[in-house]
Protein backbone atom coordinates (compact mmCIF):
# COMPACT_ATOMS: atom_id res chain seq x y z
CA GLN A 1 -1.98 9.02 -20.67
CA VAL A 2 -0.38 6.33 -18.56
CA GLN A 3 3.39 6.09 -18.80
CA LEU A 4 5.97 3.93 -17.08
CA VAL A 5 9.50 4.83 -18.09
CA GLU A 6 12.33 2.60 -16.92
CA SER A 7 15.95 3.67 -16.76
CA GLY A 8 19.22 2.59 -15.21
CA GLY A 9 19.94 -0.59 -17.12
CA GLY A 10 23.28 -1.34 -18.68
CA LEU A 11 26.30 -3.61 -18.77
CA VAL A 12 27.97 -4.54 -15.50
CA GLN A 13 30.47 -7.16 -14.38
CA ARG A 14 29.65 -10.05 -12.09
CA GLY A 15 29.38 -8.79 -8.52
CA GLY A 16 28.52 -5.27 -9.57
CA SER A 17 25.47 -3.16 -8.84
CA LEU A 18 22.82 -1.27 -10.74
CA ARG A 19 19.81 0.75 -9.69
CA LEU A 20 16.76 0.72 -11.93
CA SER A 21 14.18 3.46 -11.81
CA CYS A 22 10.63 3.55 -13.13
CA ALA A 23 8.97 6.94 -13.39
CA ALA A 24 5.19 6.79 -13.52
CA SER A 25 2.61 9.26 -14.74
CA GLY A 26 -1.01 9.36 -15.76
CA PHE A 27 -2.47 7.48 -12.80
CA THR A 28 -2.61 7.66 -9.01
CA PHE A 29 0.73 6.09 -8.30
CA SER A 30 0.26 5.74 -4.55
CA SER A 31 -2.80 3.53 -5.07
CA TYR A 32 -0.96 0.96 -7.17
CA ALA A 33 1.18 -1.98 -6.21
CA MET A 34 4.42 -1.75 -8.16
CA SER A 35 6.52 -4.62 -9.41
CA TRP A 36 9.64 -5.43 -11.35
CA TYR A 37 9.60 -8.35 -13.76
CA ARG A 38 12.33 -9.67 -15.99
CA GLN A 39 12.53 -11.74 -19.13
CA ALA A 40 15.65 -13.47 -20.34
CA PRO A 41 16.01 -14.68 -23.95
CA GLY A 42 14.00 -17.83 -24.51
CA LYS A 43 12.40 -17.69 -21.07
CA GLU A 44 9.08 -16.56 -19.69
CA ARG A 45 8.67 -13.25 -17.94
CA GLU A 46 9.07 -13.70 -14.20
CA LEU A 47 8.27 -11.61 -11.15
CA VAL A 48 11.37 -10.25 -9.46
CA ALA A 49 10.00 -8.03 -6.71
CA ILE A 50 6.79 -6.33 -5.64
CA ILE A 51 5.95 -3.51 -3.26
CA SER A 52 2.44 -2.86 -2.02
CA SER A 53 0.62 0.41 -2.44
CA VAL A 54 -0.20 1.38 1.12
CA ARG A 55 2.10 -0.28 3.64
CA GLY A 56 5.01 -0.76 1.29
CA ASP A 57 5.22 -4.46 2.02
CA THR A 58 7.75 -6.19 -0.21
CA ASN A 59 8.23 -9.65 -1.62
CA TYR A 60 10.99 -11.11 -3.75
CA ALA A 61 11.73 -14.04 -5.99
CA ASP A 62 13.92 -16.55 -4.20
CA SER A 63 16.65 -16.05 -6.78
CA VAL A 64 17.15 -12.39 -5.80
CA LYS A 65 16.43 -12.38 -2.07
CA GLY A 66 19.20 -10.71 -0.14
CA ARG A 67 20.63 -9.09 -3.28
CA PHE A 68 17.83 -6.91 -4.68
CA THR A 69 15.77 -4.26 -2.90
CA ILE A 70 12.59 -2.68 -4.22
CA SER A 71 11.48 0.71 -2.93
CA ARG A 72 9.09 3.48 -3.90
CA ASP A 73 8.83 7.22 -3.57
CA ASN A 74 5.19 8.18 -3.85
CA ALA A 75 6.02 11.90 -3.91
CA LYS A 76 8.10 11.33 -7.03
CA ALA A 77 5.84 8.60 -8.45
CA THR A 78 8.89 6.43 -8.90
CA VAL A 79 9.77 2.85 -8.02
CA TYR A 80 13.34 1.62 -7.75
CA LEU A 81 15.15 -1.69 -7.88
CA GLN A 82 18.56 -1.74 -6.28
CA MET A 83 20.47 -4.74 -7.59
CA ASN A 84 23.65 -5.83 -5.84
CA SER A 85 25.95 -8.81 -6.25
CA LEU A 86 24.76 -9.24 -9.80
CA LYS A 87 25.21 -12.57 -11.55
CA PRO A 88 25.25 -13.46 -15.25
CA GLU A 89 21.91 -15.22 -14.74
CA ASP A 90 20.38 -11.85 -13.83
CA THR A 91 20.82 -10.81 -17.47
CA ALA A 92 17.40 -9.93 -18.85
CA VAL A 93 15.10 -7.15 -19.91
CA TYR A 94 13.60 -5.68 -16.74
CA TYR A 95 10.05 -4.36 -16.85
CA CYS A 96 8.16 -2.13 -14.47
CA ASN A 97 4.53 -3.02 -13.75
CA ALA A 98 1.73 -1.10 -12.04
CA GLU A 99 -1.26 -2.99 -10.70
CA GLY A 100 -4.29 -1.07 -9.53
CA PRO A 101 -7.39 -2.07 -7.60
CA SER A 102 -9.20 -3.46 -10.65
CA ILE A 103 -8.07 -6.01 -13.23
CA VAL A 104 -8.07 -3.46 -16.04
CA GLN A 105 -5.68 -1.23 -14.14
CA ASN A 106 -2.49 -3.00 -15.12
CA PHE A 107 0.27 -1.16 -16.94
CA TRP A 108 3.73 -2.03 -18.25
CA GLY A 109 6.84 -0.08 -19.08
CA GLN A 110 8.91 -0.62 -22.22
CA GLY A 111 11.71 -2.42 -20.43
CA THR A 112 15.39 -1.79 -19.80
CA GLN A 113 18.21 -4.19 -20.62
CA VAL A 114 20.47 -5.45 -17.88
CA THR A 115 23.51 -7.45 -18.94
CA VAL A 116 25.89 -9.02 -16.43
CA SER A 117 29.18 -10.24 -17.83
CA SER A 118 31.20 -13.04 -16.31
């Protein structure tokens, strides 16, 4: 059974930091590209950061470049999102996504709330 379990969300003041974790199970984690998405109230879900399966190449949304860092630990089957210099506009539910080699291999976590107060 595939599971993606996010943790680490919460309430933080502007300028603060949080580290999100996503623990994966039920599939070959090292073979999957891993991403973090977010969805704010009334807005569409958007890609925040992605890390490739093999080389660990990363890419970020322009809005978070220089502030957020995605990383993965294949031995622990966990992907992280370190978020620094948080802004109120970063407030959203953050979702972990796993994308495998085929189109049907696409899994989502349940999401974790991040709230940044001003």
